[in-house]
Amino acid sequence: MASVEYLIKQFLTPDKKQLDLSNQVLGDKGAVTLAKSKLLKRVTRLTLANNNISDEGAIAIANSEHFKRLIELDFYGNVISDDGVKALAESPVMGNLKKLNLYGNLVEDEGAIAIAESKTLSKLRYLFLTSNRVRKLGLEALKEAKCGTRLCHLHIDNLEDFIYQDDYEEDEDQISSWDELEARAEESGNDDDED
């Protein structure tokens, strides 16, 4: 992998407003270096798709004063979980963000709820959270947050795609333990002896 400084010089647009570092295998170390770069003070669109960035890198980006002008942030296909998403949702630096792409990460309900309840992401209009680990509570919180002023374009998995054990009554014939299986096998054996 080339140095982060070299990649910035190579891919930063001439107006210094857009940087696409997709597929550069930056990892957290690269994301932290990126967060410290003074060359990025004017960046409004940052794409970091498929870079193996986890919470450490996401937190560094979220807390970097250099990204105050960020309008679009793309973390497609990384390994960011709830801690990284919470940092994004709570960071005053991310206050201008209008588009956040977290497609294909490790976000669960806690992260989704943090975004739904975020006071600092008040300008967020586009949110991509498909193919994460968000389930019922997170999806419902996001749907509640979706209104005329915020999250107009919400891309999440369909609630119907998931089967929840608590959404239907348990089958009476369902065996829930090893002991129960052995007891039924024993009963079945006794029934055969009686014939």
Protein backbone atom coordinates (compact mmCIF):
# COMPACT_ATOMS: atom_id res chain seq x y z
CA MET A 1 0.00 0.00 0.00
CA ALA A 2 1.21 3.48 -0.87
CA SER A 3 1.56 6.01 1.92
CA VAL A 4 -1.60 7.86 2.91
CA GLU A 5 0.05 11.20 2.06
CA TYR A 6 0.82 9.93 -1.45
CA LEU A 7 -2.75 8.65 -1.89
CA ILE A 8 -4.16 12.01 -0.78
CA LYS A 9 -2.03 13.86 -3.34
CA GLN A 10 -2.96 11.31 -6.00
CA PHE A 11 -6.75 11.23 -5.46
CA LEU A 12 -7.73 14.58 -3.92
CA THR A 13 -9.62 16.61 -6.55
CA PRO A 14 -7.97 19.88 -7.68
CA ASP A 15 -10.54 21.93 -5.73
CA LYS A 16 -9.60 19.84 -2.64
CA LYS A 17 -13.26 19.05 -1.94
CA GLN A 18 -13.49 15.37 -2.85
CA LEU A 19 -11.36 12.39 -1.92
CA ASP A 20 -12.08 8.82 -2.99
CA LEU A 21 -9.76 6.25 -1.42
CA SER A 22 -11.90 3.17 -2.13
CA ASN A 23 -10.14 -0.21 -2.13
CA GLN A 24 -6.80 1.09 -0.81
CA VAL A 25 -6.55 -1.28 2.21
CA LEU A 26 -6.08 1.65 4.57
CA GLY A 27 -7.22 -0.11 7.73
CA ASP A 28 -7.45 1.79 11.00
CA LYS A 29 -3.86 3.00 10.82
CA GLY A 30 -4.52 4.66 7.45
CA ALA A 31 -7.82 6.16 8.66
CA VAL A 32 -6.10 7.64 11.72
CA THR A 33 -3.36 9.14 9.49
CA LEU A 34 -6.07 10.51 7.20
CA ALA A 35 -7.85 12.11 10.16
CA LYS A 36 -4.66 14.01 11.04
CA SER A 37 -4.02 15.35 7.52
CA LYS A 38 -4.25 19.13 7.21
CA LEU A 39 -4.65 18.74 3.44
CA LEU A 40 -8.27 17.70 3.97
CA LYS A 41 -9.71 20.82 5.64
CA ARG A 42 -11.85 21.65 2.59
CA VAL A 43 -13.10 18.13 1.86
CA THR A 44 -16.89 17.82 1.58
CA ARG A 45 -17.05 14.28 0.13
CA LEU A 46 -14.97 11.45 1.58
CA THR A 47 -15.21 7.90 0.21
CA LEU A 48 -13.45 5.14 2.14
CA ALA A 49 -15.22 2.07 0.74
CA ASN A 50 -13.70 -1.40 1.20
CA ASN A 51 -10.73 -0.41 3.36
CA ASN A 52 -11.02 -2.77 6.36
CA ILE A 53 -11.68 0.19 8.67
CA SER A 54 -13.12 -0.69 12.08
CA ASP A 55 -14.29 1.41 15.04
CA GLU A 56 -10.85 2.87 15.73
CA GLY A 57 -10.64 4.40 12.25
CA ALA A 58 -14.27 5.55 12.26
CA ILE A 59 -13.80 7.25 15.65
CA ALA A 60 -10.65 9.03 14.39
CA ILE A 61 -12.54 10.32 11.34
CA ALA A 62 -15.57 11.30 13.46
CA ASN A 63 -13.46 13.35 15.85
CA SER A 64 -11.15 15.02 13.33
CA GLU A 65 -11.60 18.80 13.17
CA HIS A 66 -10.40 18.57 9.54
CA PHE A 67 -13.75 17.08 8.50
CA LYS A 68 -16.06 19.88 9.71
CA ARG A 69 -17.16 20.61 6.12
CA LEU A 70 -18.00 17.00 5.33
CA ILE A 71 -21.37 16.59 3.60
CA GLU A 72 -20.96 12.99 2.37
CA LEU A 73 -19.16 10.16 4.14
CA ASP A 74 -18.96 6.72 2.56
CA PHE A 75 -17.82 3.77 4.70
CA TYR A 76 -19.29 1.09 2.37
CA GLY A 77 -17.97 -2.44 3.02
CA ASN A 78 -15.83 -1.91 6.12
CA VAL A 79 -15.98 -3.53 9.60
CA ILE A 80 -17.44 -0.68 11.64
CA SER A 81 -19.71 -1.65 14.54
CA ASP A 82 -21.80 0.24 17.09
CA ASP A 83 -18.93 2.09 18.82
CA GLY A 84 -17.77 3.66 15.57
CA VAL A 85 -21.31 4.59 14.58
CA LYS A 86 -21.99 6.10 18.02
CA ALA A 87 -18.89 8.28 17.61
CA LEU A 88 -20.23 9.50 14.25
CA ALA A 89 -23.70 10.11 15.72
CA GLU A 90 -22.36 12.07 18.71
CA SER A 91 -19.60 14.07 17.02
CA PRO A 92 -20.23 17.80 16.55
CA VAL A 93 -17.69 17.62 13.70
CA MET A 94 -20.26 15.60 11.68
CA GLY A 95 -22.93 18.29 12.01
CA ASN A 96 -23.02 19.11 8.27
CA LEU A 97 -23.32 15.49 7.14
CA LYS A 98 -26.20 14.97 4.68
CA LYS A 99 -25.27 11.51 3.37
CA LEU A 100 -23.85 8.60 5.36
CA ASN A 101 -23.19 5.23 3.75
CA LEU A 102 -22.59 2.35 6.16
CA TYR A 103 -23.72 -0.41 3.79
CA GLY A 104 -22.14 -3.79 4.59
CA ASN A 105 -20.58 -3.13 7.99
CA LEU A 106 -21.20 -4.68 11.44
CA VAL A 107 -23.72 -2.15 12.81
CA GLU A 108 -26.33 -3.54 15.20
CA ASP A 109 -29.39 -2.06 16.93
CA GLU A 110 -27.39 0.13 19.31
CA GLY A 111 -25.66 1.95 16.44
CA ALA A 112 -28.90 2.38 14.50
CA ILE A 113 -30.62 3.82 17.57
CA ALA A 114 -27.68 6.22 18.12
CA ILE A 115 -28.16 7.56 14.58
CA ALA A 116 -31.95 7.76 15.00
CA GLU A 117 -31.61 9.73 18.24
CA SER A 118 -28.61 11.84 17.20
CA LYS A 119 -28.87 15.58 17.86
CA THR A 120 -25.74 16.40 15.85
CA LEU A 121 -26.78 14.59 12.65
CA SER A 122 -29.73 16.95 12.21
CA LYS A 123 -28.94 17.56 8.51
CA LEU A 124 -28.70 13.86 7.61
CA ARG A 125 -30.99 13.09 4.65
CA TYR A 126 -29.51 9.90 3.15
CA LEU A 127 -28.64 6.90 5.29
CA PHE A 128 -27.54 3.54 3.88
CA LEU A 129 -27.57 0.79 6.52
CA THR A 130 -28.48 -2.24 4.41
CA SER A 131 -26.53 -5.47 4.97
CA ASN A 132 -25.59 -4.82 8.57
CA ARG A 133 -26.72 -6.57 11.75
CA VAL A 134 -29.52 -4.13 12.56
CA ARG A 135 -32.66 -5.91 13.65
CA LYS A 136 -36.10 -5.07 15.01
CA LEU A 137 -35.32 -2.37 17.61
CA GLY A 138 -32.87 -0.51 15.40
CA LEU A 139 -35.07 -0.67 12.30
CA GLU A 140 -38.07 0.60 14.23
CA ALA A 141 -36.06 3.48 15.76
CA LEU A 142 -34.85 4.52 12.30
CA LYS A 143 -38.34 4.33 10.82
CA GLU A 144 -39.61 6.55 13.65
CA ALA A 145 -36.81 9.07 12.99
CA LYS A 146 -37.71 9.15 9.30
CA CYS A 147 -39.86 12.20 8.74
CA GLY A 148 -40.18 15.25 6.52
CA THR A 149 -37.15 17.02 7.97
CA ARG A 150 -34.63 14.21 8.43
CA LEU A 151 -33.67 10.85 6.95
CA CYS A 152 -35.81 11.37 3.86
CA HIS A 153 -33.91 8.61 2.07
CA LEU A 154 -33.50 5.68 4.42
CA HIS A 155 -32.05 2.46 3.01
CA ILE A 156 -32.35 -0.40 5.51
CA ASP A 157 -33.19 -4.09 5.40
CA ASN A 158 -36.90 -4.99 5.45
CA LEU A 159 -38.22 -6.03 8.81
CA GLU A 160 -40.11 -8.85 7.06
CA ASP A 161 -36.78 -10.38 6.01
CA PHE A 162 -36.12 -11.44 9.57
CA ILE A 163 -37.91 -14.10 11.61
CA TYR A 164 -38.18 -13.28 15.29
CA GLN A 165 -38.78 -16.04 17.83
CA ASP A 166 -40.97 -13.71 19.91
CA ASP A 167 -43.18 -12.82 16.93
CA TYR A 168 -44.93 -16.16 16.89
CA GLU A 169 -45.93 -18.73 19.45
CA GLU A 170 -43.62 -21.65 19.99
CA ASP A 171 -44.58 -24.90 18.38
CA GLU A 172 -45.75 -27.28 21.12
CA ASP A 173 -43.88 -30.16 19.50
CA GLN A 174 -40.62 -28.20 19.35
CA ILE A 175 -37.86 -29.72 21.49
CA SER A 176 -35.88 -27.08 23.35
CA SER A 177 -33.31 -29.10 25.31
CA TRP A 178 -31.24 -32.27 25.23
CA ASP A 179 -33.03 -33.60 28.33
CA GLU A 180 -36.37 -33.16 26.63
CA LEU A 181 -35.12 -35.06 23.58
CA GLU A 182 -33.93 -37.96 25.75
CA ALA A 183 -37.23 -37.99 27.68
CA ARG A 184 -39.23 -38.14 24.45
CA ALA A 185 -37.01 -40.91 23.10
CA GLU A 186 -37.53 -42.87 26.32
CA GLU A 187 -41.32 -42.35 26.14
CA SER A 188 -41.30 -43.47 22.54
CA GLY A 189 -39.37 -46.59 23.54
CA ASN A 190 -41.89 -47.37 26.33
CA ASP A 191 -44.81 -46.93 23.93
CA ASP A 192 -43.29 -49.56 21.63
CA ASP A 193 -42.85 -52.01 24.53
CA GLU A 194 -46.58 -51.81 25.39
CA ASP A 195 -47.63 -53.05 21.93
